[in-house]
Amino acid sequence: MKTHAIIPIFIPHLGCPNDCVFCNQKKITARAEPITGEDMEKTVEKYLKTIIGRGIETVEIAFFGGSFTGIPLARQREYLSVAKAYKERGLIQKIRLSTRPDYINEEILDNLRLYHADIIELGVQSFDEEVLRLSNRGHGREEIYSASRLIRDYGFELGLQLMIGLPGDTREKSVNSAREALKLRPSVARLYPTVIIKDTALYDMYLRGEYAPLSLEEALQTTKEMYRILTGAGVRVIRIGLKSTDLISENGEIAGGYHPAFRQLVESEMAREKMEEQLAALLKPGGQDDDGKGPLGNASDLLPGADHSSGGLKAAFFSNGRSFSNMIGHKKSNRSYFEKKYPHVRFTFHVDQSLTDHTYILKLCP
């Protein structure tokens, strides 16, 4: 059962002086009227009608689409006062916002604390100075460290957003950014492979041949390694890859590491690796009995591509319901992988709700 719900409030880049190469929000903002507090109330009420009575434990109002603390302070207060009123009534439990590292100071945090904000996500993108410069971020590493420390000192929950494949980036730099992020002790993170969108400086760089986007496979492998580093340290990765709505349909995505099910691609491949590790363990000498046979028969029987279709070897994989789609793989890719690589084994896939998320267990069948 779903226990967490987000009420999204889209705030364009009002007041943002920067022109990051990957962002087209300024052109969008020029065509959009800023929402009012009354508009925000209507949005919240609309969402609450679908949330109340469904057993949702935590409801958040989350400000998306821009650097919240970069907009005029009076408008920040207008939005925050609406959110605070719903929180005081017990209709929502948390207030979340995102901003830039150089839009954090004590005055800003004093105001956010006054309105009972809970979570501040920083659009860090990279910890590499060259990547930040080539992406025209307008700040360096030190602003990231100082803003993160200040947020934590004030008692807010810290989130960090990282991008993969920006100008000047490499796999090593992206992976190092994940390691640097751990030093700031965030509770949550988001990972976004770079996508080229029209009406951006990055799009112009791409047309001039000055920027080469990551392939989907490159984005997948780098993101997977960063995901493993962050989650291994207890950081919740709450989003991987852009949603289709983030691409702004009228402009569209041109190239880069975009896939509508990118998170499942990452988690499915990680699931497959865990599952195959258990199969591989049976090939090791220590995994065999004294007669040279393991639980699935002769070790040679397990060699990929071996033709033992007449045998009766069976292997069952188990996960809980939430992880089942990752166990099977995107469009059943993991099922196909195992059946093709181990044609002598009959694989089945089952749900065991006693298992924790992202746990996959191999059981042998008689």
Protein backbone atom coordinates (compact mmCIF):
# COMPACT_ATOMS: atom_id res chain seq x y z
CA MET A 1 0.00 0.00 0.00
CA LYS A 2 1.28 3.46 -0.89
CA THR A 3 2.10 5.42 2.28
CA HIS A 4 3.64 8.59 0.84
CA ALA A 5 2.16 11.19 -1.50
CA ILE A 6 3.51 14.36 -3.13
CA ILE A 7 1.47 17.45 -3.98
CA PRO A 8 3.63 19.16 -6.65
CA ILE A 9 3.64 22.93 -6.98
CA PHE A 10 5.47 24.15 -10.08
CA ILE A 11 7.45 27.36 -9.52
CA PRO A 12 9.19 28.72 -12.64
CA HIS A 13 12.67 30.23 -12.44
CA LEU A 14 11.48 33.63 -11.26
CA GLY A 15 14.48 35.73 -10.30
CA CYS A 16 17.10 33.19 -11.38
CA PRO A 17 19.93 35.18 -13.00
CA ASN A 18 21.83 32.15 -14.24
CA ASP A 19 21.83 30.43 -17.63
CA CYS A 20 22.94 26.85 -17.04
CA VAL A 21 23.67 25.26 -20.40
CA PHE A 22 21.14 22.43 -19.93
CA CYS A 23 18.21 24.59 -18.76
CA ASN A 24 15.45 26.13 -20.87
CA GLN A 25 13.33 27.34 -17.97
CA LYS A 26 13.91 31.02 -18.73
CA LYS A 27 12.18 30.77 -22.09
CA ILE A 28 9.35 28.81 -20.49
CA THR A 29 9.07 31.30 -17.64
CA ALA A 30 8.83 34.20 -20.09
CA ARG A 31 5.62 32.65 -21.43
CA ALA A 32 4.16 31.65 -18.06
CA GLU A 33 2.39 33.70 -15.44
CA PRO A 34 3.63 33.00 -11.89
CA ILE A 35 1.10 31.21 -9.75
CA THR A 36 -0.55 32.98 -6.85
CA GLY A 37 -1.23 31.69 -3.35
CA GLU A 38 -4.85 31.21 -4.42
CA ASP A 39 -3.74 29.12 -7.40
CA MET A 40 -1.64 27.03 -5.07
CA GLU A 41 -4.58 26.43 -2.73
CA LYS A 42 -6.68 25.16 -5.63
CA THR A 43 -3.93 22.72 -6.61
CA VAL A 44 -3.55 21.45 -3.06
CA GLU A 45 -7.29 20.98 -2.62
CA LYS A 46 -7.49 19.07 -5.90
CA TYR A 47 -4.79 16.62 -4.81
CA LEU A 48 -6.14 16.22 -1.27
CA LYS A 49 -9.46 14.98 -2.67
CA THR A 50 -7.61 11.98 -4.13
CA ILE A 51 -5.37 11.44 -1.08
CA ILE A 52 -7.59 11.72 2.00
CA GLY A 53 -9.05 8.40 3.12
CA ARG A 54 -6.50 6.21 1.35
CA GLY A 55 -4.32 5.50 4.38
CA ILE A 56 -1.48 7.77 3.24
CA GLU A 57 0.84 8.37 6.19
CA THR A 58 2.95 11.23 4.81
CA VAL A 59 1.76 13.94 2.45
CA GLU A 60 4.24 16.52 1.17
CA ILE A 61 3.79 19.83 -0.55
CA ALA A 62 6.82 20.01 -2.83
CA PHE A 63 7.91 23.04 -4.83
CA PHE A 64 9.38 21.99 -8.18
CA GLY A 65 10.59 23.63 -11.37
CA GLY A 66 13.01 26.24 -10.16
CA SER A 67 15.27 27.64 -7.47
CA PHE A 68 12.69 28.37 -4.81
CA THR A 69 14.91 30.58 -2.66
CA GLY A 70 15.86 32.65 -5.71
CA ILE A 71 12.38 34.11 -6.10
CA PRO A 72 11.48 37.35 -4.27
CA LEU A 73 11.15 36.85 -0.54
CA ALA A 74 7.58 38.19 -0.48
CA ARG A 75 6.47 35.56 -2.98
CA GLN A 76 8.33 32.83 -1.08
CA ARG A 77 6.35 33.82 2.00
CA GLU A 78 3.09 33.81 0.04
CA TYR A 79 3.65 30.20 -1.06
CA LEU A 80 5.08 29.03 2.25
CA SER A 81 2.21 30.51 4.26
CA VAL A 82 -0.22 28.39 2.26
CA ALA A 83 1.85 25.25 2.85
CA LYS A 84 2.27 26.03 6.54
CA ALA A 85 -1.49 26.45 6.99
CA TYR A 86 -2.14 22.97 5.57
CA LYS A 87 0.61 21.54 7.76
CA GLU A 88 -0.84 23.12 10.90
CA ARG A 89 -4.22 21.59 10.03
CA GLY A 90 -2.59 18.16 9.80
CA LEU A 91 -3.53 17.74 6.14
CA ILE A 92 0.11 17.56 5.08
CA GLN A 93 3.16 16.48 7.06
CA LYS A 94 6.13 17.93 5.17
CA ILE A 95 7.19 20.88 3.01
CA ARG A 96 9.91 20.28 0.42
CA LEU A 97 11.70 22.66 -1.91
CA SER A 98 14.71 22.70 -4.20
CA THR A 99 17.23 25.46 -4.86
CA ARG A 100 20.80 26.28 -5.81
CA PRO A 101 23.79 26.12 -3.42
CA ASP A 102 24.48 29.84 -3.92
CA TYR A 103 20.90 30.71 -2.94
CA ILE A 104 21.36 29.57 0.65
CA ASN A 105 22.26 31.86 3.54
CA GLU A 106 21.17 32.43 7.13
CA GLU A 107 18.43 34.92 6.23
CA ILE A 108 16.90 32.48 3.75
CA LEU A 109 17.08 29.58 6.21
CA ASP A 110 15.62 31.69 9.03
CA ASN A 111 12.62 32.37 6.79
CA LEU A 112 12.22 28.72 5.79
CA ARG A 113 12.36 27.63 9.41
CA LEU A 114 9.73 30.23 10.31
CA TYR A 115 7.34 28.55 7.86
CA HIS A 116 8.20 25.03 9.04
CA ALA A 117 9.89 23.80 5.85
CA ASP A 118 11.37 20.32 6.24
CA ILE A 119 13.46 19.26 3.26
CA ILE A 120 15.84 21.34 1.14
CA GLU A 121 17.25 19.75 -2.00
CA LEU A 122 20.29 21.34 -3.60
CA GLY A 123 20.83 21.17 -7.34
CA VAL A 124 24.49 20.29 -7.04
CA GLN A 125 24.87 18.61 -10.47
CA SER A 126 28.61 17.95 -10.03
CA PHE A 127 31.47 18.37 -7.58
CA ASP A 128 33.98 18.86 -10.39
CA GLU A 129 35.09 22.46 -10.93
CA GLU A 130 35.58 22.05 -14.68
CA VAL A 131 32.13 20.53 -15.16
CA LEU A 132 30.54 23.32 -13.11
CA ARG A 133 32.36 25.95 -15.18
CA LEU A 134 31.57 24.43 -18.58
CA SER A 135 27.94 24.03 -17.54
CA ASN A 136 27.81 27.71 -16.55
CA ARG A 137 26.55 26.89 -13.09
CA GLY A 138 27.77 30.19 -11.63
CA HIS A 139 29.25 28.64 -8.48
CA GLY A 140 31.98 26.23 -7.47
CA ARG A 141 32.50 23.36 -5.05
CA GLU A 142 32.89 25.52 -1.95
CA GLU A 143 29.35 26.90 -2.28
CA ILE A 144 28.06 23.32 -2.33
CA TYR A 145 29.90 22.38 0.85
CA SER A 146 29.04 25.57 2.76
CA ALA A 147 25.34 25.50 1.78
CA SER A 148 25.01 21.83 2.72
CA ARG A 149 26.63 22.34 6.10
CA LEU A 150 24.41 25.35 6.82
CA ILE A 151 21.25 23.45 5.89
CA ARG A 152 22.16 20.61 8.22
CA ASP A 153 23.17 23.00 11.01
CA TYR A 154 19.69 24.53 10.84
CA GLY A 155 18.14 21.10 11.24
CA PHE A 156 16.67 20.72 7.77
CA GLU A 157 16.74 17.42 5.92
CA LEU A 158 19.27 17.65 3.08
CA GLY A 159 18.81 16.32 -0.42
CA LEU A 160 21.34 16.45 -3.26
CA GLN A 161 20.66 16.32 -6.98
CA LEU A 162 23.42 15.12 -9.32
CA MET A 163 23.63 15.12 -13.11
CA ILE A 164 25.59 12.66 -15.25
CA GLY A 165 27.24 13.48 -18.57
CA LEU A 166 27.43 17.28 -18.47
CA PRO A 167 30.09 19.09 -20.55
CA GLY A 168 33.55 18.07 -19.35
CA ASP A 169 32.16 15.16 -17.36
CA THR A 170 33.56 11.63 -17.34
CA ARG A 171 32.43 8.45 -15.64
CA GLU A 172 35.16 8.89 -13.06
CA LYS A 173 34.06 12.45 -12.28
CA SER A 174 30.42 11.44 -11.90
CA VAL A 175 31.28 8.54 -9.63
CA ASN A 176 33.52 10.81 -7.57
CA SER A 177 30.61 13.24 -7.21
CA ALA A 178 28.59 10.45 -5.61
CA ARG A 179 31.44 9.81 -3.17
CA GLU A 180 31.76 13.53 -2.39
CA ALA A 181 28.02 13.72 -1.80
CA LEU A 182 28.32 11.17 1.01
CA LYS A 183 30.64 13.52 2.92
CA LEU A 184 27.72 15.97 3.22
CA ARG A 185 25.46 13.30 4.77
CA PRO A 186 22.32 13.82 2.66
CA SER A 187 19.26 11.76 3.48
CA VAL A 188 18.01 11.68 -0.13
CA ALA A 189 19.44 12.07 -3.61
CA ARG A 190 18.29 12.30 -7.23
CA LEU A 191 20.33 11.15 -10.23
CA TYR A 192 19.70 12.72 -13.63
CA PRO A 193 21.55 11.66 -16.79
CA THR A 194 21.90 14.75 -18.97
CA VAL A 195 19.31 15.15 -21.70
CA ILE A 196 19.65 17.68 -24.52
CA ILE A 197 16.54 19.81 -24.88
CA LYS A 198 15.84 22.43 -27.54
CA ASP A 199 16.20 26.11 -26.66
CA THR A 200 19.25 25.48 -24.48
CA ALA A 201 22.90 26.39 -24.82
CA LEU A 202 23.66 22.68 -24.63
CA TYR A 203 21.53 22.12 -27.73
CA ASP A 204 23.58 24.75 -29.59
CA MET A 205 26.81 23.13 -28.40
CA TYR A 206 25.50 19.79 -29.66
CA LEU A 207 24.70 21.23 -33.10
CA ARG A 208 28.19 22.75 -33.32
CA GLY A 209 29.80 19.43 -32.41
CA GLU A 210 31.18 20.82 -29.15
CA TYR A 211 29.26 18.39 -26.94
CA ALA A 212 28.66 14.66 -27.34
CA PRO A 213 25.84 13.21 -25.22
CA LEU A 214 26.12 9.94 -23.37
CA SER A 215 24.63 6.88 -24.97
CA LEU A 216 21.85 5.22 -23.02
CA GLU A 217 24.20 2.37 -22.09
CA GLU A 218 26.89 4.77 -20.85
CA ALA A 219 24.34 6.64 -18.76
CA LEU A 220 23.02 3.36 -17.39
CA GLN A 221 26.40 2.03 -16.28
CA THR A 222 27.54 5.27 -14.65
CA THR A 223 24.22 5.84 -12.90
CA LYS A 224 24.22 2.26 -11.65
CA GLU A 225 27.62 2.73 -10.00
CA MET A 226 26.56 6.02 -8.38
CA TYR A 227 23.31 4.45 -7.19
CA ARG A 228 25.22 1.61 -5.58
CA ILE A 229 27.56 4.03 -3.75
CA LEU A 230 24.72 6.19 -2.41
CA THR A 231 22.32 3.45 -1.37
CA GLY A 232 25.17 1.44 0.13
CA ALA A 233 25.72 4.33 2.54
CA GLY A 234 22.03 4.56 3.43
CA VAL A 235 21.06 7.47 1.15
CA ARG A 236 17.60 7.06 -0.38
CA VAL A 237 17.73 7.67 -4.13
CA ILE A 238 14.23 9.03 -4.69
CA ARG A 239 14.48 9.59 -8.44
CA ILE A 240 16.60 8.29 -11.29
CA GLY A 241 16.19 9.98 -14.65
CA LEU A 242 13.77 12.61 -15.89
CA LYS A 243 10.05 12.10 -16.12
CA SER A 244 8.57 12.62 -19.57
CA THR A 245 6.83 15.75 -18.28
CA ASP A 246 10.21 17.21 -17.30
CA LEU A 247 11.19 17.31 -20.96
CA ILE A 248 8.59 19.95 -21.82
CA SER A 249 6.63 18.29 -24.61
CA GLU A 250 6.55 21.28 -26.94
CA ASN A 251 10.34 21.27 -27.11
CA GLY A 252 11.14 17.61 -26.69
CA GLU A 253 14.25 15.63 -25.93
CA ILE A 254 16.93 15.58 -28.62
CA ALA A 255 19.59 13.20 -27.36
CA GLY A 256 21.22 11.87 -24.24
CA GLY A 257 20.59 9.33 -21.51
CA TYR A 258 16.81 9.42 -21.48
CA HIS A 259 14.49 6.44 -21.21
CA PRO A 260 10.92 6.54 -19.88
CA ALA A 261 11.73 3.63 -17.53
CA PHE A 262 15.33 4.57 -16.75
CA ARG A 263 15.08 3.76 -13.05
CA GLN A 264 13.82 0.27 -13.82
CA LEU A 265 16.66 -0.25 -16.28
CA VAL A 266 19.15 0.57 -13.51
CA GLU A 267 17.46 -1.48 -10.79
CA SER A 268 16.72 -4.43 -13.09
CA GLU A 269 20.35 -4.73 -14.08
CA MET A 270 21.43 -4.55 -10.45
CA ALA A 271 18.87 -7.23 -9.60
CA ARG A 272 20.21 -9.47 -12.36
CA GLU A 273 23.74 -9.11 -11.02
CA LYS A 274 22.63 -10.16 -7.52
CA MET A 275 20.69 -13.10 -8.91
CA GLU A 276 23.53 -14.31 -11.09
CA GLU A 277 25.98 -14.07 -8.20
CA GLN A 278 23.99 -16.78 -6.48
CA LEU A 279 24.09 -18.96 -9.57
CA ALA A 280 27.81 -18.34 -9.99
CA ALA A 281 28.44 -19.43 -6.40
CA LEU A 282 27.28 -22.91 -7.38
CA LEU A 283 30.09 -23.12 -9.91
CA LYS A 284 32.77 -22.65 -7.28
CA PRO A 285 34.50 -25.76 -5.93
CA GLY A 286 33.35 -24.90 -2.42
CA GLY A 287 29.77 -24.95 -3.62
CA GLN A 288 29.95 -28.63 -4.66
CA ASP A 289 29.61 -31.83 -2.73
CA ASP A 290 32.42 -34.36 -2.34
CA ASP A 291 31.28 -36.15 -5.48
CA GLY A 292 31.88 -33.00 -7.54
CA LYS A 293 28.21 -32.23 -7.84
CA GLY A 294 26.47 -29.12 -6.57
CA PRO A 295 22.80 -28.57 -5.83
CA LEU A 296 22.06 -28.22 -9.53
CA GLY A 297 24.10 -31.23 -10.62
CA ASN A 298 27.52 -31.25 -12.27
CA ALA A 299 29.32 -27.93 -12.31
CA SER A 300 29.81 -28.38 -16.06
CA ASP A 301 26.04 -28.46 -16.45
CA LEU A 302 25.87 -24.85 -15.32
CA LEU A 303 28.18 -23.48 -17.97
CA PRO A 304 26.39 -20.82 -20.04
CA GLY A 305 25.08 -22.22 -23.29
CA ALA A 306 25.31 -25.84 -22.25
CA ASP A 307 22.67 -27.92 -23.97
CA HIS A 308 20.92 -29.98 -21.34
CA SER A 309 17.35 -29.30 -22.33
CA SER A 310 16.33 -32.85 -21.42
CA GLY A 311 17.45 -32.35 -17.81
CA GLY A 312 15.14 -31.50 -14.99
CA LEU A 313 17.09 -28.68 -13.33
CA LYS A 314 14.86 -26.05 -11.74
CA ALA A 315 15.67 -22.76 -10.05
CA ALA A 316 13.21 -20.37 -8.45
CA PHE A 317 13.94 -16.72 -7.74
CA PHE A 318 12.00 -14.82 -5.10
CA SER A 319 11.50 -11.14 -4.24
CA ASN A 320 8.82 -9.11 -2.54
CA GLY A 321 6.03 -7.59 -4.62
CA ARG A 322 7.62 -4.15 -4.89
CA SER A 323 10.83 -5.59 -6.35
CA PHE A 324 9.19 -8.21 -8.56
CA SER A 325 9.25 -6.10 -11.74
CA ASN A 326 12.98 -5.49 -11.26
CA MET A 327 13.57 -9.21 -10.71
CA ILE A 328 11.81 -10.01 -13.98
CA GLY A 329 13.50 -7.05 -15.68
CA HIS A 330 12.23 -4.30 -17.94
CA LYS A 331 10.09 -5.98 -20.58
CA LYS A 332 11.11 -9.32 -18.99
CA SER A 333 14.75 -8.73 -19.89
CA ASN A 334 16.12 -10.66 -16.88
CA ARG A 335 13.90 -13.65 -17.53
CA SER A 336 15.08 -13.74 -21.14
CA TYR A 337 18.70 -13.31 -20.07
CA PHE A 338 18.71 -16.31 -17.73
CA GLU A 339 16.71 -18.55 -20.06
CA LYS A 340 19.06 -17.82 -22.94
CA LYS A 341 22.32 -18.07 -20.98
CA TYR A 342 21.31 -21.17 -18.98
CA PRO A 343 19.03 -23.13 -21.34
CA HIS A 344 19.35 -26.34 -19.27
CA VAL A 345 17.74 -24.70 -16.21
CA ARG A 346 14.06 -24.01 -15.84
CA PHE A 347 13.69 -20.65 -14.10
CA THR A 348 10.59 -19.50 -12.27
CA PHE A 349 9.94 -16.20 -10.47
CA HIS A 350 7.84 -15.79 -7.33
CA VAL A 351 6.74 -13.30 -4.68
CA ASP A 352 7.77 -13.65 -1.05
CA GLN A 353 6.48 -10.70 0.94
CA SER A 354 8.75 -11.51 3.87
CA LEU A 355 11.74 -10.26 1.85
CA THR A 356 12.97 -6.67 2.04
CA ASP A 357 13.11 -4.41 -1.01
CA HIS A 358 15.83 -5.25 -3.55
CA THR A 359 16.48 -8.66 -1.97
CA TYR A 360 16.51 -11.60 -4.39
CA ILE A 361 16.75 -15.19 -3.23
CA LEU A 362 17.53 -18.30 -5.27
CA LYS A 363 15.85 -21.51 -4.14
CA LEU A 364 16.47 -24.88 -5.75
CA CYS A 365 13.57 -27.07 -6.68
CA PRO A 366 13.62 -30.89 -6.61
